[in-house]
């Protein structure tokens, strides 16, 4: 006999979105691990590529990573020579982050890996359903 409370829980959008998010997270994390990269590192590389040169504090806000954690992520990326940190010539209190050529190359590779993971995630859907899913999720999370 199935517990009706569990059945109701499993039909809630919040529960289903959480399960789908966990699956998507695992698929992407597994792909990024092939490049010896973790999700926060990839997110930082993506943001730096889009906004560079970007102040370290602004980067933390943009990617929604605690500033203390951002230091560790940047240390890891800098140790692999994927990013560089330089003092802002206009404000010596700020660090500016830029991608190195190796960082740009790795980002290109990990974007392809992420695309593979996302394709696997939405494989059961038709192309039209994929577009609809993206549109609906976008509306749910829009600037909340």
Protein backbone atom coordinates (compact mmCIF):
# COMPACT_ATOMS: atom_id res chain seq x y z
CA UNK A 1 0.00 0.00 0.00
CA UNK A 2 1.31 3.43 -0.97
CA UNK A 3 1.30 6.18 1.62
CA UNK A 4 -1.06 8.90 0.26
CA UNK A 5 1.08 11.62 1.86
CA UNK A 6 4.12 10.44 -0.09
CA UNK A 7 2.09 10.25 -3.30
CA UNK A 8 0.92 13.84 -2.80
CA UNK A 9 4.46 14.97 -2.01
CA UNK A 10 5.79 13.41 -5.20
CA UNK A 11 3.33 15.38 -7.33
CA UNK A 12 4.30 18.79 -5.91
CA UNK A 13 6.16 21.02 -8.37
CA UNK A 14 8.70 21.90 -5.67
CA UNK A 15 9.50 18.22 -5.09
CA UNK A 16 9.75 17.42 -8.79
CA UNK A 17 11.89 20.50 -9.50
CA UNK A 18 14.19 19.53 -6.64
CA UNK A 19 14.60 16.02 -8.02
CA UNK A 20 15.23 17.34 -11.54
CA UNK A 21 17.72 19.88 -10.19
CA UNK A 22 19.58 17.18 -8.26
CA UNK A 23 19.77 15.03 -11.39
CA UNK A 24 20.97 17.96 -13.50
CA UNK A 25 23.54 18.91 -10.88
CA UNK A 26 24.89 15.34 -10.78
CA UNK A 27 25.06 15.03 -14.57
CA UNK A 28 26.91 18.33 -14.98
CA UNK A 29 29.22 17.68 -12.02
CA UNK A 30 30.13 14.27 -13.44
CA UNK A 31 30.96 15.79 -16.82
CA UNK A 32 33.01 18.63 -15.29
CA UNK A 33 34.93 16.11 -13.21
CA UNK A 34 36.29 14.73 -16.50
CA UNK A 35 38.08 18.09 -16.81
CA UNK A 36 39.05 18.07 -13.12
CA UNK A 37 36.72 20.98 -12.44
CA UNK A 38 33.90 21.49 -9.93
CA UNK A 39 30.66 23.41 -10.50
CA UNK A 40 31.68 26.59 -8.60
CA UNK A 41 34.92 26.75 -10.58
CA UNK A 42 33.03 26.42 -13.85
CA UNK A 43 30.54 29.10 -12.83
CA UNK A 44 33.39 31.48 -12.00
CA UNK A 45 35.11 30.81 -15.32
CA UNK A 46 31.82 31.51 -17.15
CA UNK A 47 31.27 34.77 -15.28
CA UNK A 48 34.85 35.95 -15.74
CA UNK A 49 34.64 35.23 -19.48
CA UNK A 50 31.47 37.31 -19.71
CA UNK A 51 32.44 40.28 -17.52
CA UNK A 52 36.23 40.44 -17.53
CA UNK A 53 38.03 42.21 -16.16
CA UNK A 54 35.74 41.81 -13.17
CA UNK A 55 36.30 42.85 -9.57
CA UNK A 56 36.57 39.91 -7.20
CA UNK A 57 33.77 41.20 -4.94
CA UNK A 58 31.48 41.78 -7.91
CA UNK A 59 32.27 38.30 -9.18
CA UNK A 60 31.23 36.81 -5.83
CA UNK A 61 27.90 38.68 -5.99
CA UNK A 62 27.30 37.74 -9.62
CA UNK A 63 27.92 34.03 -9.12
CA UNK A 64 26.31 34.07 -5.67
CA UNK A 65 29.34 32.58 -3.91
CA UNK A 66 30.27 33.73 -0.42
CA UNK A 67 33.30 36.06 -0.68
CA UNK A 68 35.37 33.77 1.57
CA UNK A 69 34.55 30.80 -0.66
CA UNK A 70 35.32 32.90 -3.73
CA UNK A 71 38.88 33.37 -2.45
CA UNK A 72 39.33 29.58 -2.31
CA UNK A 73 37.84 29.07 -5.79
CA UNK A 74 40.06 31.79 -7.25
CA UNK A 75 43.10 30.37 -5.48
CA UNK A 76 42.37 26.99 -7.10
CA UNK A 77 41.87 28.53 -10.54
CA UNK A 78 44.95 30.71 -10.22
CA UNK A 79 47.07 27.72 -9.12
CA UNK A 80 46.04 26.01 -12.37
CA UNK A 81 46.86 29.21 -14.27
CA UNK A 82 43.28 29.53 -15.52
CA UNK A 83 42.72 33.07 -14.19
CA UNK A 84 44.85 35.97 -13.10
CA UNK A 85 44.24 38.41 -10.28
CA UNK A 86 45.71 41.89 -10.57
CA UNK A 87 45.27 45.06 -8.55
CA UNK A 88 42.82 47.49 -10.06
CA UNK A 89 44.94 50.46 -11.19
CA UNK A 90 42.04 52.77 -10.25
CA UNK A 91 41.52 51.26 -6.77
CA UNK A 92 44.34 49.27 -5.15
CA UNK A 93 41.85 47.71 -2.70
CA UNK A 94 40.22 45.76 -5.54
CA UNK A 95 41.42 42.72 -7.44
CA UNK A 96 40.49 42.36 -11.09
CA UNK A 97 40.02 38.86 -12.45
CA UNK A 98 40.70 37.87 -16.05
CA UNK A 99 40.87 34.55 -17.89
CA UNK A 100 44.17 33.22 -19.11
CA UNK A 101 44.40 31.56 -22.53
CA UNK A 102 44.40 28.18 -20.72
CA UNK A 103 41.27 29.25 -18.81
CA UNK A 104 39.53 30.23 -22.04
CA UNK A 105 40.47 26.89 -23.63
CA UNK A 106 39.26 24.90 -20.61
CA UNK A 107 36.03 26.89 -20.50
CA UNK A 108 35.36 26.08 -24.14
CA UNK A 109 35.87 22.38 -23.34
CA UNK A 110 33.72 22.43 -20.18
CA UNK A 111 30.91 24.27 -21.96
CA UNK A 112 30.77 21.33 -24.38
CA UNK A 113 30.76 18.90 -21.45
CA UNK A 114 27.94 20.86 -19.82
CA UNK A 115 25.97 20.80 -23.05
CA UNK A 116 26.32 17.00 -23.14
CA UNK A 117 25.03 16.74 -19.58
CA UNK A 118 22.09 19.02 -20.27
CA UNK A 119 21.22 17.10 -23.43
CA UNK A 120 21.14 13.92 -21.34
CA UNK A 121 18.95 15.63 -18.74
CA UNK A 122 16.28 16.65 -21.25
CA UNK A 123 16.64 13.64 -23.58
CA UNK A 124 13.11 12.36 -22.80
CA UNK A 125 11.63 15.63 -24.12
CA UNK A 126 10.97 16.73 -27.69
CA UNK A 127 12.72 19.87 -28.93
CA UNK A 128 9.47 21.82 -28.49
CA UNK A 129 9.08 20.51 -24.94
CA UNK A 130 12.67 21.51 -24.17
CA UNK A 131 12.00 25.07 -25.30
CA UNK A 132 8.77 25.12 -23.29
CA UNK A 133 10.55 23.79 -20.20
CA UNK A 134 13.21 26.50 -20.47
CA UNK A 135 10.54 29.17 -20.91
CA UNK A 136 8.51 27.93 -17.93
CA UNK A 137 11.55 27.59 -15.64
CA UNK A 138 12.72 31.03 -16.69
CA UNK A 139 9.36 32.48 -15.65
CA UNK A 140 9.49 30.69 -12.29
CA UNK A 141 12.95 31.94 -11.38
CA UNK A 142 12.82 35.39 -13.01
CA UNK A 143 14.33 37.90 -10.59
CA UNK A 144 12.93 36.47 -7.40
